[in-house]
């Protein structure tokens, strides 16, 4: 059994927003690229230039059905985002580029002085073109898929695992492989074997109980209120206020029209991401939260009082978009921009779809008990109630691990803790665990995989190439 510090494993995670690649034992992924592949079968690196707009873009994982002309406001439409692989050819392109940039097929890629892999001379490649590292592939970890019944979801999950193993073993020619779900790895990144992993990502919020490293499938709960949905709501609010929504690629070349709606959506989402990650956006405390939904009912909004001199010095009064448009943060609309994350906790949503569309969405999710449109703290309560073991439930409520790129809003952990304390019974003491480092919270699953592959006791769990060809993909699915 190997018990060294460096196992040389290559770790990859394909997300609905970005792909992360790196080596085991490192503290963060070294190559992060958007999860879009151009028609030239290359990874799309940037949405800021007009040159990239001339290419047709395709996603790797399943994405919401979006026309590109109007914002998508129904959170149930985002339930399918990232739950399964949609284009296996694009998945292979992403893995090939990650391995090429980080030189996973190079026998002497490690250099002295911290030189980047991409800047050193590519030599000593393995003669047969195989990856010389064991590969750990991080899977999304969804237990049910939107639009499919529970039985078909289980069959589809096994089919996805088998196809993933086939791609890695036969096309990438890995020496050994291990597939691991992201909720389990996120719990490991915080040193927890038993945890209630709350992942707030681009595609929505997901609550997954993990007991002894195993996912309780029927207790997982998720909704579509994620970072992308918040971006679409902000986009709609700006259109209602007649504010221009101009992506950066249109600023560099006026009159440029994208070849595919997916590129324009990606560029607009990048602009909305830039807006909601400004320092002025934060989560209000539970006693300071107002009952009014963001971006609605402006006539009943409170008139902003004149701030004191100390507050005025620390709080910005406006924010500026890339095209020079200024948003006054003292107006009701500006204040709603600063409290965008409030929509994660509200019972209803802004710009709710028409009754016909909402009824169809609710009927779609009624067959799957793990999918809903409930706010974040209600998802956690439903997930805890679905755990049958009372003792395990007590362990989970005391170890609520917060992860995901959309969980880095300031004060989100304290607000979630207060909401749970008010919602759960008085004898239950919820404890929310969140890393203060935004990188650790954003890449929690990848960091957990890096820790896992560095353990000497883990080395016996790899599935070797010979075992794959002898027993097939069924062994890896088990």
Protein backbone atom coordinates (compact mmCIF):
# COMPACT_ATOMS: atom_id res chain seq x y z
CA UNK A 1 0.00 0.00 0.00
CA UNK A 2 1.42 3.36 -1.05
CA UNK A 3 1.44 5.96 1.75
CA UNK A 4 3.38 8.81 0.15
CA UNK A 5 2.37 12.46 -0.05
CA UNK A 6 2.00 12.59 -3.84
CA UNK A 7 0.13 9.95 -5.78
CA UNK A 8 0.27 11.73 -9.13
CA UNK A 9 -3.45 11.40 -9.75
CA UNK A 10 -5.17 13.62 -12.30
CA UNK A 11 -8.52 15.09 -11.15
CA UNK A 12 -11.22 16.53 -13.38
CA UNK A 13 -14.63 17.98 -12.61
CA UNK A 14 -17.09 18.95 -15.34
CA UNK A 15 -19.60 21.50 -14.09
CA UNK A 16 -22.45 23.33 -15.78
CA UNK A 17 -20.52 26.62 -15.53
CA UNK A 18 -16.81 25.71 -15.48
CA UNK A 19 -14.51 22.69 -15.82
CA UNK A 20 -11.78 22.21 -13.23
CA UNK A 21 -8.60 20.17 -13.73
CA UNK A 22 -5.49 19.60 -11.65
CA UNK A 23 -3.34 17.08 -9.81
CA UNK A 24 -3.99 15.34 -6.52
CA UNK A 25 -2.26 16.84 -3.51
CA UNK A 26 -2.59 20.42 -4.77
CA UNK A 27 -4.70 22.96 -2.91
CA UNK A 28 -6.79 24.13 -5.88
CA UNK A 29 -7.35 23.24 -9.55
CA UNK A 30 -4.69 24.64 -11.84
CA UNK A 31 -6.82 24.89 -14.98
CA UNK A 32 -10.36 26.30 -14.90
CA UNK A 33 -12.17 26.84 -18.21
CA UNK A 34 -15.83 27.59 -19.11
CA UNK A 35 -17.97 24.56 -19.91
CA UNK A 36 -18.60 25.49 -23.54
CA UNK A 37 -17.13 23.87 -26.63
CA UNK A 38 -16.99 25.67 -29.99
CA UNK A 39 -17.90 24.19 -33.35
CA UNK A 40 -14.16 23.80 -33.96
CA UNK A 41 -14.08 21.29 -31.07
CA UNK A 42 -12.10 23.61 -28.85
CA UNK A 43 -12.93 24.92 -25.40
CA UNK A 44 -14.39 28.42 -25.44
CA UNK A 45 -12.00 30.46 -23.35
CA UNK A 46 -13.68 33.87 -23.20
CA UNK A 47 -16.98 35.61 -23.92
CA UNK A 48 -15.39 39.07 -23.97
CA UNK A 49 -14.25 39.18 -27.60
CA UNK A 50 -16.38 39.53 -30.71
CA UNK A 51 -14.26 36.95 -32.51
CA UNK A 52 -15.65 34.18 -30.33
CA UNK A 53 -19.21 35.28 -31.16
CA UNK A 54 -18.78 33.95 -34.69
CA UNK A 55 -18.56 30.38 -33.39
CA UNK A 56 -21.36 28.00 -32.56
CA UNK A 57 -21.12 26.94 -28.92
CA UNK A 58 -22.32 23.73 -27.35
CA UNK A 59 -22.62 22.74 -23.70
CA UNK A 60 -21.27 19.58 -22.11
CA UNK A 61 -23.96 18.93 -19.50
CA UNK A 62 -27.72 19.31 -19.86
CA UNK A 63 -28.85 22.93 -19.82
CA UNK A 64 -32.26 24.66 -19.67
CA UNK A 65 -34.15 25.16 -22.91
CA UNK A 66 -33.45 28.81 -23.66
CA UNK A 67 -34.21 30.86 -26.77
CA UNK A 68 -31.72 33.62 -25.98
CA UNK A 69 -34.01 36.58 -26.60
CA UNK A 70 -35.83 36.79 -23.26
CA UNK A 71 -34.71 35.94 -19.72
CA UNK A 72 -35.75 32.56 -18.33
CA UNK A 73 -37.62 33.32 -15.12
CA UNK A 74 -39.08 29.97 -14.06
CA UNK A 75 -36.68 28.37 -11.53
CA UNK A 76 -38.11 24.92 -12.33
CA UNK A 77 -36.60 25.23 -15.81
CA UNK A 78 -33.12 25.13 -14.23
CA UNK A 79 -33.71 21.80 -12.47
CA UNK A 80 -32.21 19.95 -15.43
CA UNK A 81 -29.05 22.05 -15.53
CA UNK A 82 -25.94 19.99 -14.97
CA UNK A 83 -27.66 16.79 -13.86
CA UNK A 84 -26.27 14.62 -16.68
CA UNK A 85 -23.92 14.68 -19.66
CA UNK A 86 -25.61 15.89 -22.82
CA UNK A 87 -22.76 15.73 -25.36
CA UNK A 88 -20.12 13.05 -24.82
CA UNK A 89 -17.95 14.37 -27.65
CA UNK A 90 -17.72 17.74 -25.90
CA UNK A 91 -16.88 15.95 -22.65
CA UNK A 92 -13.98 14.24 -24.36
CA UNK A 93 -12.81 17.59 -25.80
CA UNK A 94 -12.79 19.11 -22.30
CA UNK A 95 -10.78 16.24 -20.82
CA UNK A 96 -8.30 16.24 -23.72
CA UNK A 97 -7.67 19.96 -23.36
CA UNK A 98 -7.27 19.74 -19.59
CA UNK A 99 -4.79 16.89 -19.96
CA UNK A 100 -2.93 18.71 -22.74
CA UNK A 101 -2.60 22.01 -20.84
CA UNK A 102 -1.47 20.28 -17.64
CA UNK A 103 0.60 17.75 -19.61
CA UNK A 104 -0.92 14.63 -18.11
CA UNK A 105 0.72 12.51 -20.83
CA UNK A 106 4.20 13.93 -20.22
CA UNK A 107 6.51 11.77 -18.13
CA UNK A 108 8.71 14.72 -17.00
CA UNK A 109 6.35 17.64 -16.72
CA UNK A 110 7.18 18.70 -13.16
CA UNK A 111 9.62 21.63 -13.15
CA UNK A 112 11.50 23.57 -10.53
CA UNK A 113 10.60 27.03 -9.32
CA UNK A 114 6.87 26.74 -9.88
CA UNK A 115 7.04 27.13 -13.67
CA UNK A 116 3.62 26.78 -15.30
CA UNK A 117 3.03 23.54 -17.15
CA UNK A 118 2.00 25.38 -20.32
CA UNK A 119 5.20 27.44 -20.50
CA UNK A 120 7.65 24.56 -20.32
CA UNK A 121 8.82 22.53 -23.30
CA UNK A 122 6.58 19.53 -23.94
CA UNK A 123 8.89 16.56 -24.04
CA UNK A 124 9.07 12.96 -22.92
CA UNK A 125 5.48 12.11 -23.84
CA UNK A 126 4.48 8.53 -23.29
CA UNK A 127 5.20 6.65 -26.48
CA UNK A 128 1.71 5.16 -26.81
CA UNK A 129 -0.12 8.42 -26.00
CA UNK A 130 -1.68 7.13 -22.80
CA UNK A 131 -2.29 9.15 -19.66
CA UNK A 132 0.40 8.18 -17.17
CA UNK A 133 -1.71 9.19 -14.14
CA UNK A 134 -4.66 7.53 -12.46
CA UNK A 135 -7.76 9.62 -13.13
CA UNK A 136 -10.39 10.62 -10.60
CA UNK A 137 -13.50 11.91 -12.38
CA UNK A 138 -15.97 13.90 -10.27
CA UNK A 139 -19.58 13.21 -11.22
CA UNK A 140 -22.44 15.66 -10.53
CA UNK A 141 -23.95 13.42 -7.86
CA UNK A 142 -27.62 13.97 -8.72
CA UNK A 143 -29.94 11.16 -7.64
CA UNK A 144 -32.94 12.02 -9.85
CA UNK A 145 -33.20 13.75 -13.21
CA UNK A 146 -35.76 16.34 -14.23
CA UNK A 147 -38.31 15.01 -16.70
CA UNK A 148 -37.80 11.33 -15.82
CA UNK A 149 -39.41 9.03 -13.28
CA UNK A 150 -37.54 7.56 -10.29
CA UNK A 151 -36.98 4.15 -11.93
CA UNK A 152 -35.73 5.62 -15.18
CA UNK A 153 -33.51 8.05 -13.24
CA UNK A 154 -31.72 5.12 -11.58
CA UNK A 155 -31.27 3.40 -14.95
CA UNK A 156 -30.06 6.62 -16.53
CA UNK A 157 -27.55 7.14 -13.70
CA UNK A 158 -26.03 3.69 -14.27
CA UNK A 159 -25.89 4.37 -17.99
CA UNK A 160 -24.12 7.69 -17.40
CA UNK A 161 -21.52 6.03 -15.14
CA UNK A 162 -20.88 3.25 -17.67
CA UNK A 163 -20.48 5.72 -20.54
CA UNK A 164 -18.18 7.93 -18.46
CA UNK A 165 -15.95 4.93 -17.70
CA UNK A 166 -15.87 4.01 -21.36
CA UNK A 167 -14.75 7.51 -22.35
CA UNK A 168 -11.98 7.65 -19.74
CA UNK A 169 -10.70 4.11 -20.19
CA UNK A 170 -10.96 3.64 -23.96
CA UNK A 171 -10.63 7.15 -25.41
CA UNK A 172 -8.43 8.84 -22.79
CA UNK A 173 -6.61 5.53 -22.13
CA UNK A 174 -6.28 5.99 -18.39
CA UNK A 175 -4.19 3.53 -16.40
CA UNK A 176 -6.79 3.46 -13.58
CA UNK A 177 -9.99 5.27 -12.70
CA UNK A 178 -12.26 6.21 -9.82
CA UNK A 179 -15.65 7.94 -10.13
CA UNK A 180 -16.77 9.97 -7.12
CA UNK A 181 -19.89 12.14 -6.57
CA UNK A 182 -19.28 15.78 -5.73
CA UNK A 183 -21.37 15.93 -2.47
CA UNK A 184 -19.25 13.21 -0.90
CA UNK A 185 -16.03 14.99 -1.86
CA UNK A 186 -17.34 18.36 -0.62
CA UNK A 187 -17.90 16.78 2.79
CA UNK A 188 -14.37 15.33 2.75
CA UNK A 189 -12.92 18.77 1.95
CA UNK A 190 -14.22 20.01 5.32
CA UNK A 191 -13.05 16.89 7.13
CA UNK A 192 -16.54 15.47 7.61
CA UNK A 193 -17.55 11.86 7.12
CA UNK A 194 -21.16 12.60 8.10
CA UNK A 195 -22.49 15.89 6.75
CA UNK A 196 -25.46 17.60 5.18
CA UNK A 197 -23.86 19.13 2.09
CA UNK A 198 -25.60 22.30 0.89
CA UNK A 199 -24.34 23.12 -2.60
CA UNK A 200 -25.41 26.51 -3.98
CA UNK A 201 -24.17 26.50 -7.55
CA UNK A 202 -24.97 27.92 -10.95
CA UNK A 203 -27.83 25.50 -11.62
CA UNK A 204 -29.57 25.66 -8.25
CA UNK A 205 -29.43 24.67 -4.60
CA UNK A 206 -28.89 21.03 -3.67
CA UNK A 207 -29.03 19.46 -0.21
CA UNK A 208 -27.45 16.01 0.09
CA UNK A 209 -27.07 13.93 3.29
CA UNK A 210 -23.78 12.03 3.43
CA UNK A 211 -23.41 9.22 6.01
CA UNK A 212 -20.06 7.41 6.29
CA UNK A 213 -19.14 8.69 2.84
CA UNK A 214 -22.32 7.38 1.23
CA UNK A 215 -25.08 9.53 -0.28
CA UNK A 216 -28.62 8.98 0.97
CA UNK A 217 -30.27 9.11 -2.44
CA UNK A 218 -33.91 9.45 -1.46
CA UNK A 219 -33.12 12.25 1.01
CA UNK A 220 -31.53 14.59 -1.52
CA UNK A 221 -33.50 17.77 -2.23
CA UNK A 222 -32.83 20.48 -4.79
CA UNK A 223 -34.38 23.45 -6.55
CA UNK A 224 -33.49 25.62 -9.53
CA UNK A 225 -32.65 28.80 -7.63
CA UNK A 226 -28.98 29.12 -8.47
CA UNK A 227 -26.58 31.69 -9.78
CA UNK A 228 -27.80 31.48 -13.37
CA UNK A 229 -31.43 31.96 -12.33
CA UNK A 230 -30.46 34.99 -10.21
CA UNK A 231 -28.72 36.37 -13.30
CA UNK A 232 -31.85 35.96 -15.42
CA UNK A 233 -34.00 37.66 -12.77
CA UNK A 234 -31.57 40.60 -12.64
CA UNK A 235 -31.56 40.73 -16.44
CA UNK A 236 -35.37 40.94 -16.47
CA UNK A 237 -35.36 43.64 -13.77
CA UNK A 238 -32.94 45.76 -15.81
CA UNK A 239 -35.15 45.41 -18.89
CA UNK A 240 -38.17 46.49 -16.82
CA UNK A 241 -36.23 49.59 -15.74
CA UNK A 242 -35.22 50.22 -19.37
CA UNK A 243 -31.54 49.88 -18.51
CA UNK A 244 -29.27 48.70 -21.36
CA UNK A 245 -27.92 45.16 -21.04
CA UNK A 246 -24.81 45.28 -23.22
CA UNK A 247 -22.26 42.45 -22.94
CA UNK A 248 -18.59 43.29 -23.26
CA UNK A 249 -18.17 41.72 -26.70
CA UNK A 250 -20.74 44.17 -28.11
CA UNK A 251 -18.82 47.06 -26.56
CA UNK A 252 -15.65 46.04 -28.35
CA UNK A 253 -17.37 45.66 -31.70
CA UNK A 254 -20.67 47.49 -32.09
CA UNK A 255 -23.32 45.76 -34.13
CA UNK A 256 -21.82 42.33 -33.56
CA UNK A 257 -24.46 39.61 -33.50
CA UNK A 258 -23.62 36.18 -32.05
CA UNK A 259 -23.92 33.10 -34.20
CA UNK A 260 -25.63 31.12 -31.45
CA UNK A 261 -28.02 32.23 -28.67
CA UNK A 262 -25.90 30.27 -26.19
CA UNK A 263 -22.97 32.66 -26.65
CA UNK A 264 -25.10 35.75 -26.02
CA UNK A 265 -26.65 34.09 -22.97
CA UNK A 266 -23.16 33.24 -21.72
CA UNK A 267 -21.98 36.84 -22.22
CA UNK A 268 -25.06 38.27 -20.48
CA UNK A 269 -24.66 35.84 -17.60
CA UNK A 270 -21.05 36.92 -17.25
CA UNK A 271 -22.23 40.53 -17.00
CA UNK A 272 -24.87 39.59 -14.39
CA UNK A 273 -22.25 37.62 -12.47
CA UNK A 274 -20.04 40.69 -12.41
CA UNK A 275 -22.96 42.73 -11.05
CA UNK A 276 -24.04 40.38 -8.27
CA UNK A 277 -20.49 39.66 -7.05
CA UNK A 278 -19.70 43.32 -6.44
CA UNK A 279 -18.90 44.20 -2.81
CA UNK A 280 -22.22 46.03 -2.44
CA UNK A 281 -24.21 42.77 -2.75
CA UNK A 282 -24.70 40.86 0.49
CA UNK A 283 -27.25 38.83 2.42
CA UNK A 284 -29.21 40.80 5.02
CA UNK A 285 -29.63 39.53 8.56
CA UNK A 286 -32.94 37.86 9.33
CA UNK A 287 -34.14 40.77 11.49
CA UNK A 288 -33.22 43.29 8.78
CA UNK A 289 -34.86 41.42 5.88
CA UNK A 290 -37.98 43.05 4.45
CA UNK A 291 -41.11 41.20 3.35
CA UNK A 292 -41.11 42.86 -0.08
CA UNK A 293 -39.78 40.72 -2.91
CA UNK A 294 -36.79 42.16 -4.76
CA UNK A 295 -37.68 43.97 -8.01
CA UNK A 296 -41.41 44.10 -7.21
CA UNK A 297 -43.91 46.55 -5.72
CA UNK A 298 -41.71 49.65 -5.87
CA UNK A 299 -44.58 51.97 -4.90
CA UNK A 300 -44.66 50.44 -1.41
CA UNK A 301 -40.90 50.52 -0.98
CA UNK A 302 -39.49 52.43 1.94
CA UNK A 303 -38.08 55.84 1.17
CA UNK A 304 -34.34 55.68 1.85
CA UNK A 305 -33.25 57.82 4.75
CA UNK A 306 -30.16 59.96 4.60
CA UNK A 307 -27.23 57.87 5.81
CA UNK A 308 -24.83 59.01 8.45
CA UNK A 309 -21.39 60.25 7.56
CA UNK A 310 -19.64 57.04 8.65
CA UNK A 311 -22.02 54.83 6.67
CA UNK A 312 -21.78 57.08 3.64
CA UNK A 313 -18.00 56.74 3.61
CA UNK A 314 -18.06 52.92 3.66
CA UNK A 315 -21.14 52.19 1.55
CA UNK A 316 -21.02 52.97 -2.19
CA UNK A 317 -23.92 55.03 -3.47
CA UNK A 318 -23.79 53.69 -7.04
CA UNK A 319 -22.29 51.02 -9.23
CA UNK A 320 -21.28 51.31 -12.87
CA UNK A 321 -21.82 48.80 -15.67
CA UNK A 322 -19.13 48.22 -18.34
CA UNK A 323 -20.98 50.42 -20.85
CA UNK A 324 -20.90 53.36 -18.40
CA UNK A 325 -24.49 53.03 -17.12
CA UNK A 326 -24.70 53.99 -13.47
CA UNK A 327 -27.13 52.33 -11.03
CA UNK A 328 -28.09 54.45 -8.04
CA UNK A 329 -28.00 52.12 -5.03
CA UNK A 330 -30.07 54.49 -2.90
CA UNK A 331 -33.19 54.05 -5.04
CA UNK A 332 -35.62 51.12 -4.47
CA UNK A 333 -34.28 49.37 -7.58
CA UNK A 334 -30.69 49.94 -6.51
CA UNK A 335 -31.42 48.55 -3.06
CA UNK A 336 -32.95 45.47 -4.65
CA UNK A 337 -29.76 44.98 -6.66
CA UNK A 338 -27.83 44.85 -3.39
CA UNK A 339 -30.14 42.17 -1.99
CA UNK A 340 -30.34 39.79 -4.93
CA UNK A 341 -29.44 36.77 -2.72
CA UNK A 342 -32.67 37.37 -0.77
CA UNK A 343 -34.44 35.37 -3.49
CA UNK A 344 -32.79 32.22 -2.16
CA UNK A 345 -34.93 32.45 1.00
CA UNK A 346 -38.26 33.85 -0.24
CA UNK A 347 -41.40 31.74 -0.44
CA UNK A 348 -42.34 33.17 -3.85
CA UNK A 349 -40.14 34.43 -6.66
CA UNK A 350 -39.95 37.68 -8.56
CA UNK A 351 -41.52 37.83 -12.03
CA UNK A 352 -43.38 34.57 -11.44
CA UNK A 353 -44.39 32.86 -14.71
CA UNK A 354 -47.97 32.77 -15.88
CA UNK A 355 -50.30 30.35 -14.19
CA UNK A 356 -50.29 27.96 -17.14
CA UNK A 357 -46.52 27.64 -17.26
CA UNK A 358 -46.17 27.43 -13.51
CA UNK A 359 -48.79 24.69 -13.30
CA UNK A 360 -46.98 22.69 -15.97
CA UNK A 361 -43.69 23.14 -14.12
CA UNK A 362 -45.20 22.01 -10.84
CA UNK A 363 -46.72 18.94 -12.50
CA UNK A 364 -43.32 18.10 -13.93
CA UNK A 365 -41.69 18.08 -10.52
CA UNK A 366 -44.57 16.45 -8.64
CA UNK A 367 -43.51 12.97 -9.80
CA UNK A 368 -40.06 13.46 -8.29
CA UNK A 369 -40.12 14.16 -4.58
CA UNK A 370 -36.49 15.31 -4.57
CA UNK A 371 -37.20 18.27 -6.92
CA UNK A 372 -39.10 21.37 -5.80
CA UNK A 373 -39.15 25.16 -5.85
CA UNK A 374 -38.86 25.54 -2.07
CA UNK A 375 -36.46 28.12 -0.58
CA UNK A 376 -33.07 27.00 0.66
CA UNK A 377 -33.87 26.56 4.37
CA UNK A 378 -37.04 24.59 3.53
CA UNK A 379 -34.98 22.28 1.32
CA UNK A 380 -32.74 21.52 4.28
CA UNK A 381 -35.73 20.80 6.51
CA UNK A 382 -37.29 18.48 3.92
CA UNK A 383 -34.00 16.65 3.46
CA UNK A 384 -33.60 16.13 7.21
CA UNK A 385 -37.15 14.83 7.56
CA UNK A 386 -36.49 12.33 4.77
CA UNK A 387 -33.67 10.75 6.82
CA UNK A 388 -35.23 7.87 8.73
CA UNK A 389 -32.51 7.36 11.35
CA UNK A 390 -33.03 9.84 14.21
CA UNK A 391 -29.43 9.56 15.43
CA UNK A 392 -28.11 10.22 11.93
CA UNK A 393 -30.46 13.19 11.66
CA UNK A 394 -28.90 14.71 14.78
CA UNK A 395 -25.41 14.29 13.33
CA UNK A 396 -26.46 15.90 10.06
CA UNK A 397 -28.12 18.96 11.58
CA UNK A 398 -24.93 19.67 13.53
CA UNK A 399 -22.76 19.43 10.42
CA UNK A 400 -24.36 21.48 7.61
CA UNK A 401 -21.55 22.11 5.11
CA UNK A 402 -21.95 25.05 2.72
CA UNK A 403 -20.26 24.89 -0.68
CA UNK A 404 -20.67 26.11 -4.25
CA UNK A 405 -19.69 29.22 -6.18
CA UNK A 406 -23.02 30.94 -5.47
CA UNK A 407 -22.61 30.45 -1.72
CA UNK A 408 -19.86 33.07 -1.38
CA UNK A 409 -22.31 35.94 -0.82
CA UNK A 410 -21.35 37.77 2.38
CA UNK A 411 -23.33 36.70 5.48
CA UNK A 412 -25.04 33.81 3.68
CA UNK A 413 -23.93 31.29 6.30
CA UNK A 414 -25.16 33.37 9.24
CA UNK A 415 -28.48 34.08 7.53
CA UNK A 416 -28.98 30.39 6.76
CA UNK A 417 -28.21 29.49 10.37
CA UNK A 418 -30.77 32.02 11.62
CA UNK A 419 -33.44 30.82 9.18
CA UNK A 420 -32.90 27.20 10.24
CA UNK A 421 -33.04 28.10 13.92
CA UNK A 422 -36.42 29.76 13.35
CA UNK A 423 -37.76 26.92 11.19
CA UNK A 424 -36.58 23.81 13.05
CA UNK A 425 -37.84 22.75 16.50
CA UNK A 426 -36.36 24.52 19.49
CA UNK A 427 -34.41 21.51 20.78
CA UNK A 428 -32.50 21.26 17.46
CA UNK A 429 -29.33 23.32 17.24
CA UNK A 430 -28.29 23.69 13.59
CA UNK A 431 -24.65 24.38 12.85
CA UNK A 432 -23.62 25.74 9.45
CA UNK A 433 -19.99 25.09 8.51
CA UNK A 434 -18.55 27.28 5.76
CA UNK A 435 -14.95 27.97 4.84
CA UNK A 436 -13.91 31.62 5.06
CA UNK A 437 -11.79 31.13 1.96
CA UNK A 438 -13.91 31.69 -1.16
CA UNK A 439 -11.65 29.43 -3.24
CA UNK A 440 -12.13 26.52 -0.83
CA UNK A 441 -15.89 26.99 -0.90
CA UNK A 442 -16.03 27.40 -4.68
CA UNK A 443 -13.92 24.30 -5.42
CA UNK A 444 -14.93 22.21 -2.41
CA UNK A 445 -15.56 19.01 -4.39
CA UNK A 446 -12.28 19.26 -6.29
CA UNK A 447 -10.31 19.94 -3.09
CA UNK A 448 -11.99 16.96 -1.44
CA UNK A 449 -10.88 14.79 -4.35
CA UNK A 450 -7.34 16.13 -4.01
CA UNK A 451 -7.33 15.18 -0.33
CA UNK A 452 -8.84 11.77 -1.01
CA UNK A 453 -6.31 10.76 -3.65
CA UNK A 454 -3.46 11.81 -1.36
CA UNK A 455 -4.41 9.21 1.27
CA UNK A 456 -2.40 6.03 1.22
CA UNK A 457 -5.41 3.95 2.23
CA UNK A 458 -7.28 5.11 -0.88
CA UNK A 459 -4.81 3.63 -3.36
CA UNK A 460 -6.38 0.16 -3.20
CA UNK A 461 -9.71 1.56 -4.47
CA UNK A 462 -8.55 2.46 -7.97
CA UNK A 463 -10.10 0.45 -10.80
CA UNK A 464 -7.24 -0.63 -13.01
CA UNK A 465 -7.32 -0.85 -16.78
CA UNK A 466 -7.01 -4.64 -16.70
CA UNK A 467 -9.97 -4.90 -14.31
CA UNK A 468 -12.08 -2.74 -16.59
CA UNK A 469 -11.46 -4.93 -19.64
CA UNK A 470 -11.98 -8.09 -17.59
CA UNK A 471 -15.18 -7.17 -15.72
CA UNK A 472 -16.51 -4.24 -17.76
CA UNK A 473 -18.11 -1.02 -16.63
CA UNK A 474 -20.55 -2.82 -14.32
CA UNK A 475 -17.84 -3.14 -11.68
CA UNK A 476 -17.28 0.59 -11.61
CA UNK A 477 -21.00 1.33 -11.38
CA UNK A 478 -21.25 -0.86 -8.28
